[in-house]
């Protein structure tokens, strides 16, 4: 049985995903089908693998390739951890706040129907913060924004999480700290910005369709939409690591799925209204429908950088701040070093597991002997170090192909 409960829900013998495609295929975005089916094949030897052989006892280990998909629970969690690790090394070593901008409940579906509004939503949230800092503190802050489209019940609930530096760069190239965010004022401004954004970007027909929602969102939210930015406590690096993981987290973690009986899925969630842990049971089709809504469109960036963290100004901002900190002896920029992604082996060890290149049978090291890749639908030997490895990989390909033939026969 597949250990990944989400993969079982989609692809076990009940074939829920295939049935879902048959029923709703013409309404599914192509990227949804692409990402879900990448997830299905993640870690499947039939899609390629690396061959490792122990130098002591000659134990053989085949390491399958990962899909690196945006829907895959395994790959997205690994990517979240890696991204948050790199983030702590790359941003300024100053206090940051985790700023959250949410929407009126009645407006959420508008962003589901018109997903092209999601990028402007992120841009406007960042612009609001930048304008406030520039007006009150005369500085340009650093902002990293992450879009979440999911709520605790995996419902469609778009909102923006931001990592915001508490201070910024002045026109003179100096660092100036500033740690005050007026929630009440920003809430009302955020409400105005969102309603204007929708009216501006929808055509007349679309606006008529949602006008009642817009009016209700305005009239029933006299104080504006929710804006929150709790002060962070503790070590700056740990603050950044925690916020980074949160911003990149998937719509639902596997640990939240409590039961799957072949027909229904039960998962736990924290009710934001009372803070209590609760449980929700949904038919599989309803669960799948909720989950796939959160797959972003092709090429859509759910993480964006603004202010002194923007791609265009980041390098210049760091040079100015490094010159300033040498004079003032106030260190906000780390010594420049080349950041690199961790290897597969480093990630496994960092997660608390044993070294995957150490043989559990004899304690010697595994050696890389070759790899098989999928090219134009066929398994092909890409690398084979020696005749023995070549023969083994050829035999393994024949075996995997025979299993596939039996399955489709």
Protein backbone atom coordinates (compact mmCIF):
# COMPACT_ATOMS: atom_id res chain seq x y z
CA UNK A 1 0.00 0.00 0.00
CA UNK A 2 1.24 3.48 -0.87
CA UNK A 3 2.44 5.23 2.31
CA UNK A 4 1.37 8.61 0.94
CA UNK A 5 -2.30 8.88 1.93
CA UNK A 6 -2.97 11.68 -0.55
CA UNK A 7 -1.71 9.54 -3.42
CA UNK A 8 -3.98 6.71 -2.26
CA UNK A 9 -6.97 9.06 -2.22
CA UNK A 10 -6.34 10.09 -5.82
CA UNK A 11 -4.96 6.91 -7.40
CA UNK A 12 -5.84 3.73 -5.47
CA UNK A 13 -8.02 0.95 -6.95
CA UNK A 14 -11.12 3.15 -6.62
CA UNK A 15 -9.58 5.38 -9.35
CA UNK A 16 -11.14 8.54 -7.98
CA UNK A 17 -8.93 10.83 -10.07
CA UNK A 18 -9.82 9.08 -13.32
CA UNK A 19 -13.52 9.27 -12.46
CA UNK A 20 -13.12 12.95 -11.56
CA UNK A 21 -11.47 13.66 -14.92
CA UNK A 22 -14.24 11.90 -16.81
CA UNK A 23 -16.89 13.93 -15.00
CA UNK A 24 -15.20 17.34 -14.96
CA UNK A 25 -12.46 17.06 -17.59
CA UNK A 26 -13.73 19.86 -19.82
CA UNK A 27 -13.75 22.25 -16.85
CA UNK A 28 -10.29 21.39 -15.52
CA UNK A 29 -7.39 23.73 -16.21
CA UNK A 30 -4.65 21.92 -18.20
CA UNK A 31 -2.10 22.75 -15.48
CA UNK A 32 -4.24 20.87 -12.94
CA UNK A 33 -4.13 17.65 -14.94
CA UNK A 34 -0.41 18.11 -15.58
CA UNK A 35 0.48 18.69 -11.92
CA UNK A 36 -1.73 15.96 -10.47
CA UNK A 37 -0.32 13.38 -12.86
CA UNK A 38 3.24 14.49 -12.11
CA UNK A 39 2.39 13.86 -8.45
CA UNK A 40 1.09 10.38 -9.31
CA UNK A 41 4.42 9.44 -10.92
CA UNK A 42 6.69 11.06 -8.33
CA UNK A 43 9.18 8.52 -7.05
CA UNK A 44 8.16 5.88 -9.59
CA UNK A 45 11.14 3.88 -10.86
CA UNK A 46 9.41 3.68 -14.23
CA UNK A 47 10.11 7.40 -14.64
CA UNK A 48 13.84 7.06 -14.06
CA UNK A 49 16.29 6.50 -11.21
CA UNK A 50 19.92 6.64 -10.07
CA UNK A 51 21.82 3.44 -9.35
CA UNK A 52 23.92 3.25 -6.18
CA UNK A 53 26.01 0.23 -5.16
CA UNK A 54 27.64 -0.33 -1.75
CA UNK A 55 31.44 -0.50 -2.05
CA UNK A 56 31.57 -3.08 0.75
CA UNK A 57 28.74 -5.61 0.46
CA UNK A 58 27.57 -4.57 -3.03
CA UNK A 59 24.03 -3.87 -1.85
CA UNK A 60 22.07 -2.18 -4.65
CA UNK A 61 19.97 0.92 -4.10
CA UNK A 62 17.80 2.57 -6.75
CA UNK A 63 16.90 6.20 -6.01
CA UNK A 64 13.90 7.34 -8.10
CA UNK A 65 13.68 10.86 -9.51
CA UNK A 66 11.23 13.28 -7.91
CA UNK A 67 8.65 15.22 -9.90
CA UNK A 68 9.41 18.65 -8.33
CA UNK A 69 5.73 19.43 -8.93
CA UNK A 70 3.80 22.21 -7.26
CA UNK A 71 1.04 19.83 -6.16
CA UNK A 72 3.27 17.04 -4.87
CA UNK A 73 3.22 16.93 -1.06
CA UNK A 74 6.71 15.43 -0.78
CA UNK A 75 8.37 17.84 -3.19
CA UNK A 76 6.53 20.94 -1.96
CA UNK A 77 7.46 20.30 1.68
CA UNK A 78 11.11 19.75 0.72
CA UNK A 79 11.07 22.91 -1.39
CA UNK A 80 9.50 24.88 1.46
CA UNK A 81 12.25 23.80 3.86
CA UNK A 82 15.00 24.56 1.37
CA UNK A 83 13.54 27.94 0.42
CA UNK A 84 13.21 29.02 4.05
CA UNK A 85 16.81 27.93 4.71
CA UNK A 86 18.11 30.03 1.82
CA UNK A 87 15.86 32.92 2.86
CA UNK A 88 17.52 33.23 6.27
CA UNK A 89 20.90 33.66 4.57
CA UNK A 90 19.74 36.06 1.88
CA UNK A 91 17.65 38.74 3.62
CA UNK A 92 18.82 41.54 5.88
CA UNK A 93 19.65 40.48 9.43
CA UNK A 94 17.08 42.78 11.03
CA UNK A 95 13.69 42.27 12.61
CA UNK A 96 10.89 41.42 10.20
CA UNK A 97 7.16 41.17 10.67
CA UNK A 98 4.77 38.61 9.26
CA UNK A 99 2.06 40.83 7.76
CA UNK A 100 -1.22 39.25 6.63
CA UNK A 101 -3.84 40.81 4.32
CA UNK A 102 -7.16 38.98 4.00
CA UNK A 103 -10.36 39.50 2.01
CA UNK A 104 -14.05 39.71 2.75
CA UNK A 105 -15.56 36.23 2.50
CA UNK A 106 -18.01 37.31 -0.19
CA UNK A 107 -15.20 38.38 -2.53
CA UNK A 108 -13.24 35.13 -2.50
CA UNK A 109 -15.10 33.50 -5.37
CA UNK A 110 -14.41 36.51 -7.59
CA UNK A 111 -10.71 35.65 -7.44
CA UNK A 112 -11.51 32.00 -8.16
CA UNK A 113 -13.52 32.96 -11.26
CA UNK A 114 -10.92 35.54 -12.34
CA UNK A 115 -7.54 34.18 -11.35
CA UNK A 116 -5.83 36.97 -13.31
CA UNK A 117 -6.63 39.21 -10.32
CA UNK A 118 -4.30 37.28 -7.99
CA UNK A 119 -1.03 38.90 -9.09
CA UNK A 120 -2.43 42.46 -8.86
CA UNK A 121 -3.76 41.52 -5.41
CA UNK A 122 -0.20 40.73 -4.26
CA UNK A 123 1.17 43.88 -5.94
CA UNK A 124 -1.39 46.12 -4.25
CA UNK A 125 -0.76 44.67 -0.80
CA UNK A 126 2.97 45.30 -1.18
CA UNK A 127 2.39 48.79 -2.60
CA UNK A 128 0.27 49.68 0.43
CA UNK A 129 3.07 48.75 2.83
CA UNK A 130 5.73 50.49 0.73
CA UNK A 131 3.72 53.71 0.55
CA UNK A 132 3.21 53.73 4.31
CA UNK A 133 6.93 53.27 5.05
CA UNK A 134 7.93 55.89 2.50
CA UNK A 135 5.47 58.41 3.89
CA UNK A 136 6.05 57.88 7.62
CA UNK A 137 9.68 56.79 7.83
CA UNK A 138 11.07 58.01 4.47
CA UNK A 139 12.51 54.56 3.77
CA UNK A 140 12.09 51.75 1.26
CA UNK A 141 11.46 48.46 3.13
CA UNK A 142 12.19 44.93 1.97
CA UNK A 143 9.11 42.83 1.24
CA UNK A 144 8.69 39.18 0.26
CA UNK A 145 5.05 38.36 -0.45
CA UNK A 146 3.51 34.92 -0.64
CA UNK A 147 0.02 34.16 -1.90
CA UNK A 148 -2.12 31.57 -0.11
CA UNK A 149 -5.37 30.63 -1.81
CA UNK A 150 -6.44 28.17 0.89
CA UNK A 151 -8.13 28.45 4.23
CA UNK A 152 -7.94 25.99 7.11
CA UNK A 153 -10.75 23.88 5.62
CA UNK A 154 -8.93 23.80 2.24
CA UNK A 155 -11.61 26.19 0.97
CA UNK A 156 -10.72 28.91 -1.54
CA UNK A 157 -9.60 31.85 0.57
CA UNK A 158 -7.00 34.05 -1.17
CA UNK A 159 -4.88 36.16 1.15
CA UNK A 160 -1.40 37.62 1.12
CA UNK A 161 1.36 36.83 3.61
CA UNK A 162 4.31 39.18 3.67
CA UNK A 163 7.72 39.18 5.28
CA UNK A 164 8.41 42.89 5.88
CA UNK A 165 11.66 44.37 7.17
CA UNK A 166 11.12 46.66 10.13
CA UNK A 167 12.93 49.58 8.60
CA UNK A 168 14.46 50.32 5.24
CA UNK A 169 16.90 52.17 3.05
CA UNK A 170 16.91 55.98 3.06
CA UNK A 171 17.70 58.16 0.04
CA UNK A 172 21.20 58.62 1.48
CA UNK A 173 21.82 54.88 1.42
CA UNK A 174 21.51 54.45 5.17
CA UNK A 175 19.56 51.93 7.18
CA UNK A 176 16.78 53.33 9.36
CA UNK A 177 14.74 51.15 11.72
CA UNK A 178 10.98 51.60 11.95
CA UNK A 179 8.63 49.28 13.80
CA UNK A 180 5.07 50.57 13.80
CA UNK A 181 2.22 49.37 11.60
CA UNK A 182 -1.21 51.04 12.03
CA UNK A 183 -3.64 48.18 11.57
CA UNK A 184 -6.81 50.28 11.70
CA UNK A 185 -5.68 52.69 9.02
CA UNK A 186 -4.32 49.94 6.77
CA UNK A 187 -7.51 47.87 7.09
CA UNK A 188 -9.63 50.65 5.60
CA UNK A 189 -7.06 51.40 2.90
CA UNK A 190 -6.82 47.71 2.02
CA UNK A 191 -10.59 47.50 1.63
CA UNK A 192 -10.58 50.47 -0.74
CA UNK A 193 -7.67 49.07 -2.74
CA UNK A 194 -9.28 45.64 -3.21
CA UNK A 195 -12.67 46.99 -4.29
CA UNK A 196 -11.04 49.41 -6.74
CA UNK A 197 -8.85 46.63 -8.10
CA UNK A 198 -11.84 44.42 -8.90
CA UNK A 199 -13.80 47.25 -10.51
CA UNK A 200 -10.80 48.34 -12.56
CA UNK A 201 -9.81 44.96 -13.99
CA UNK A 202 -13.17 43.33 -14.71
CA UNK A 203 -15.14 44.15 -17.84
CA UNK A 204 -18.65 45.73 -17.57
CA UNK A 205 -20.45 42.38 -17.81
CA UNK A 206 -18.28 40.80 -15.13
CA UNK A 207 -18.66 43.84 -12.88
CA UNK A 208 -22.45 43.65 -13.07
CA UNK A 209 -22.28 40.02 -12.03
CA UNK A 210 -20.30 40.80 -8.86
CA UNK A 211 -21.67 44.27 -8.03
CA UNK A 212 -23.88 43.01 -5.20
CA UNK A 213 -20.88 41.26 -3.62
CA UNK A 214 -18.79 44.43 -3.85
CA UNK A 215 -21.53 46.54 -2.27
CA UNK A 216 -22.07 44.06 0.55
CA UNK A 217 -18.33 43.80 1.24
CA UNK A 218 -18.17 47.60 1.55
CA UNK A 219 -21.28 48.16 3.62
CA UNK A 220 -20.76 45.30 6.09
CA UNK A 221 -17.09 46.03 6.80
CA UNK A 222 -17.06 49.53 8.20
CA UNK A 223 -13.55 49.10 9.65
CA UNK A 224 -12.12 47.59 6.46
CA UNK A 225 -10.65 44.18 5.70
CA UNK A 226 -8.40 42.26 8.09
CA UNK A 227 -4.72 43.28 8.37
CA UNK A 228 -2.50 41.74 11.01
CA UNK A 229 1.22 41.92 11.76
CA UNK A 230 2.21 40.34 15.09
CA UNK A 231 5.58 41.28 16.55
CA UNK A 232 8.08 38.44 16.23
CA UNK A 233 10.03 37.21 19.24
CA UNK A 234 13.33 35.43 19.56
CA UNK A 235 16.34 35.00 17.32
CA UNK A 236 16.10 36.84 13.97
CA UNK A 237 17.22 33.78 12.02
CA UNK A 238 14.59 31.59 13.67
CA UNK A 239 11.93 34.24 12.97
CA UNK A 240 12.83 34.21 9.30
CA UNK A 241 12.94 30.42 9.10
CA UNK A 242 9.49 30.07 10.69
CA UNK A 243 7.85 32.75 8.53
CA UNK A 244 9.54 31.38 5.41
CA UNK A 245 8.20 27.87 6.00
CA UNK A 246 4.75 29.26 6.68
CA UNK A 247 4.67 31.34 3.50
CA UNK A 248 5.66 28.35 1.33
CA UNK A 249 3.56 25.70 3.06
CA UNK A 250 1.21 23.46 0.96
CA UNK A 251 -2.59 23.67 1.08
CA UNK A 252 -2.79 20.64 3.38
CA UNK A 253 -0.14 18.64 5.18
CA UNK A 254 -0.36 14.84 5.17
CA UNK A 255 -0.43 14.87 8.97
CA UNK A 256 -3.80 16.64 8.85
CA UNK A 257 -5.49 13.83 6.91
CA UNK A 258 -6.86 11.48 9.58
CA UNK A 259 -8.90 8.93 7.67
CA UNK A 260 -9.71 7.69 4.18
CA UNK A 261 -12.15 4.80 3.85
CA UNK A 262 -12.25 4.60 0.07
CA UNK A 263 -15.20 6.97 -0.24
CA UNK A 264 -14.73 9.79 2.27
CA UNK A 265 -11.80 11.82 3.58
CA UNK A 266 -11.57 13.19 7.12
CA UNK A 267 -9.06 15.87 8.03
CA UNK A 268 -8.46 18.12 11.01
CA UNK A 269 -8.23 21.89 11.03
CA UNK A 270 -8.07 24.76 13.49
CA UNK A 271 -11.17 26.92 13.54
CA UNK A 272 -9.97 30.54 13.37
CA UNK A 273 -13.12 31.76 15.13
CA UNK A 274 -12.60 29.92 18.41
CA UNK A 275 -9.12 28.44 18.07
CA UNK A 276 -10.43 24.90 18.55
CA UNK A 277 -9.26 21.86 16.60
CA UNK A 278 -12.13 20.39 14.57
CA UNK A 279 -12.68 17.66 12.01
CA UNK A 280 -14.30 17.74 8.58
CA UNK A 281 -15.39 14.76 6.49
CA UNK A 282 -15.93 15.17 2.75
CA UNK A 283 -16.73 12.79 -0.12
CA UNK A 284 -13.53 12.14 -2.10
CA UNK A 285 -14.77 14.10 -5.15
CA UNK A 286 -15.47 17.16 -2.99
CA UNK A 287 -12.08 16.84 -1.33
CA UNK A 288 -10.31 16.62 -4.71
CA UNK A 289 -12.30 19.60 -5.99
CA UNK A 290 -11.23 21.73 -3.02
CA UNK A 291 -7.60 20.71 -3.25
CA UNK A 292 -6.92 21.21 -6.96
CA UNK A 293 -8.23 24.79 -6.87
CA UNK A 294 -5.01 25.75 -5.16
CA UNK A 295 -2.76 24.62 -8.00
CA UNK A 296 -1.45 27.91 -9.45
CA UNK A 297 -1.68 28.70 -13.13
CA UNK A 298 1.27 27.86 -15.39
CA UNK A 299 4.25 30.16 -14.67
CA UNK A 300 2.37 31.97 -11.89
CA UNK A 301 4.73 33.03 -9.11
CA UNK A 302 3.22 32.61 -5.66
CA UNK A 303 6.28 34.31 -4.14
CA UNK A 304 7.22 37.87 -5.20
CA UNK A 305 9.81 40.39 -4.05
CA UNK A 306 9.33 44.12 -3.58
CA UNK A 307 11.17 47.19 -2.32
CA UNK A 308 14.85 46.62 -1.60
CA UNK A 309 14.28 42.87 -2.03
CA UNK A 310 13.03 43.27 -5.60
CA UNK A 311 15.15 41.70 -8.32
CA UNK A 312 15.89 45.09 -9.90
CA UNK A 313 17.11 46.93 -6.80
CA UNK A 314 18.39 44.18 -4.49
CA UNK A 315 22.02 44.24 -5.63
CA UNK A 316 22.33 48.04 -5.50
CA UNK A 317 20.59 48.19 -2.12
CA UNK A 318 23.00 45.66 -0.64
CA UNK A 319 26.03 47.60 -1.95
CA UNK A 320 24.76 50.83 -0.40
CA UNK A 321 24.03 49.15 2.93
CA UNK A 322 27.38 47.36 3.04
CA UNK A 323 29.15 50.70 2.55
CA UNK A 324 27.00 52.27 5.28
CA UNK A 325 27.53 49.47 7.78
CA UNK A 326 31.30 49.63 7.43
CA UNK A 327 31.18 53.26 8.53
CA UNK A 328 28.65 52.83 11.35
CA UNK A 329 29.65 49.33 12.50
CA UNK A 330 25.97 48.37 12.52
CA UNK A 331 25.69 45.09 10.66
CA UNK A 332 22.51 44.44 8.69
CA UNK A 333 23.97 42.72 5.60
CA UNK A 334 25.81 39.44 5.87
CA UNK A 335 29.23 39.05 4.28
CA UNK A 336 28.55 38.19 0.66
CA UNK A 337 28.76 34.48 0.00
CA UNK A 338 27.53 32.18 -2.71
CA UNK A 339 24.25 30.55 -1.75
CA UNK A 340 23.68 27.07 -3.07
CA UNK A 341 20.89 24.57 -2.79
CA UNK A 342 21.48 21.54 -0.62
CA UNK A 343 22.06 18.21 -2.29
CA UNK A 344 19.63 15.33 -1.85
CA UNK A 345 22.00 13.80 0.69
CA UNK A 346 22.30 17.04 2.68
CA UNK A 347 18.53 17.50 2.78
CA UNK A 348 17.98 13.96 4.08
CA UNK A 349 20.58 14.40 6.84
CA UNK A 350 19.24 17.87 7.75
CA UNK A 351 15.75 16.41 8.19
CA UNK A 352 17.06 14.14 10.96
CA UNK A 353 17.44 10.91 8.98
CA UNK A 354 20.58 8.82 8.65
CA UNK A 355 23.05 9.42 5.83
CA UNK A 356 21.41 7.85 2.74
CA UNK A 357 24.83 7.08 1.26
CA UNK A 358 25.86 4.88 4.20
CA UNK A 359 24.91 1.22 3.75
CA UNK A 360 22.71 0.05 6.68
CA UNK A 361 24.02 -3.51 6.22
CA UNK A 362 27.78 -3.02 6.44
CA UNK A 363 28.40 0.67 7.12
CA UNK A 364 30.35 1.32 3.94
CA UNK A 365 29.43 4.01 1.39
CA UNK A 366 27.26 3.67 -1.67
CA UNK A 367 28.87 4.66 -4.95
CA UNK A 368 27.11 6.22 -7.91
CA UNK A 369 27.12 3.75 -10.81
CA UNK A 370 24.69 5.22 -13.33
CA UNK A 371 21.18 6.41 -14.05
CA UNK A 372 18.17 5.74 -16.22
CA UNK A 373 16.01 8.54 -17.61
CA UNK A 374 12.71 8.70 -19.46
CA UNK A 375 13.16 10.06 -22.99
CA UNK A 376 10.23 10.29 -25.40
CA UNK A 377 8.33 7.78 -23.29
CA UNK A 378 11.13 5.20 -23.17
CA UNK A 379 13.49 4.32 -20.34
CA UNK A 380 17.04 5.01 -21.53
CA UNK A 381 20.42 4.48 -19.90
CA UNK A 382 21.93 7.93 -19.47
CA UNK A 383 25.05 6.94 -17.54
CA UNK A 384 26.60 3.52 -16.83
CA UNK A 385 29.98 3.35 -15.09
CA UNK A 386 31.30 -0.02 -16.20
CA UNK A 387 29.99 -3.06 -17.99
CA UNK A 388 28.43 -4.56 -14.86
CA UNK A 389 26.36 -1.42 -14.27
CA UNK A 390 25.36 -1.38 -17.96
CA UNK A 391 24.14 -4.98 -17.80
CA UNK A 392 22.25 -4.39 -14.55
CA UNK A 393 20.49 -1.28 -15.88
CA UNK A 394 19.54 -3.05 -19.12
CA UNK A 395 18.02 -5.90 -17.11
CA UNK A 396 16.18 -3.47 -14.83
CA UNK A 397 14.68 -1.66 -17.84
CA UNK A 398 13.46 -4.98 -19.28
CA UNK A 399 11.90 -5.86 -15.93
CA UNK A 400 10.12 -2.51 -15.54
CA UNK A 401 8.85 -2.66 -19.12
CA UNK A 402 7.49 -6.19 -18.59
CA UNK A 403 5.60 -5.02 -15.49
CA UNK A 404 4.09 -2.17 -17.48
CA UNK A 405 3.07 -4.59 -20.24
CA UNK A 406 1.39 -6.90 -17.71
CA UNK A 407 -0.46 -3.95 -16.23
CA UNK A 408 -1.87 -2.78 -19.57
CA UNK A 409 -2.35 -6.25 -21.03
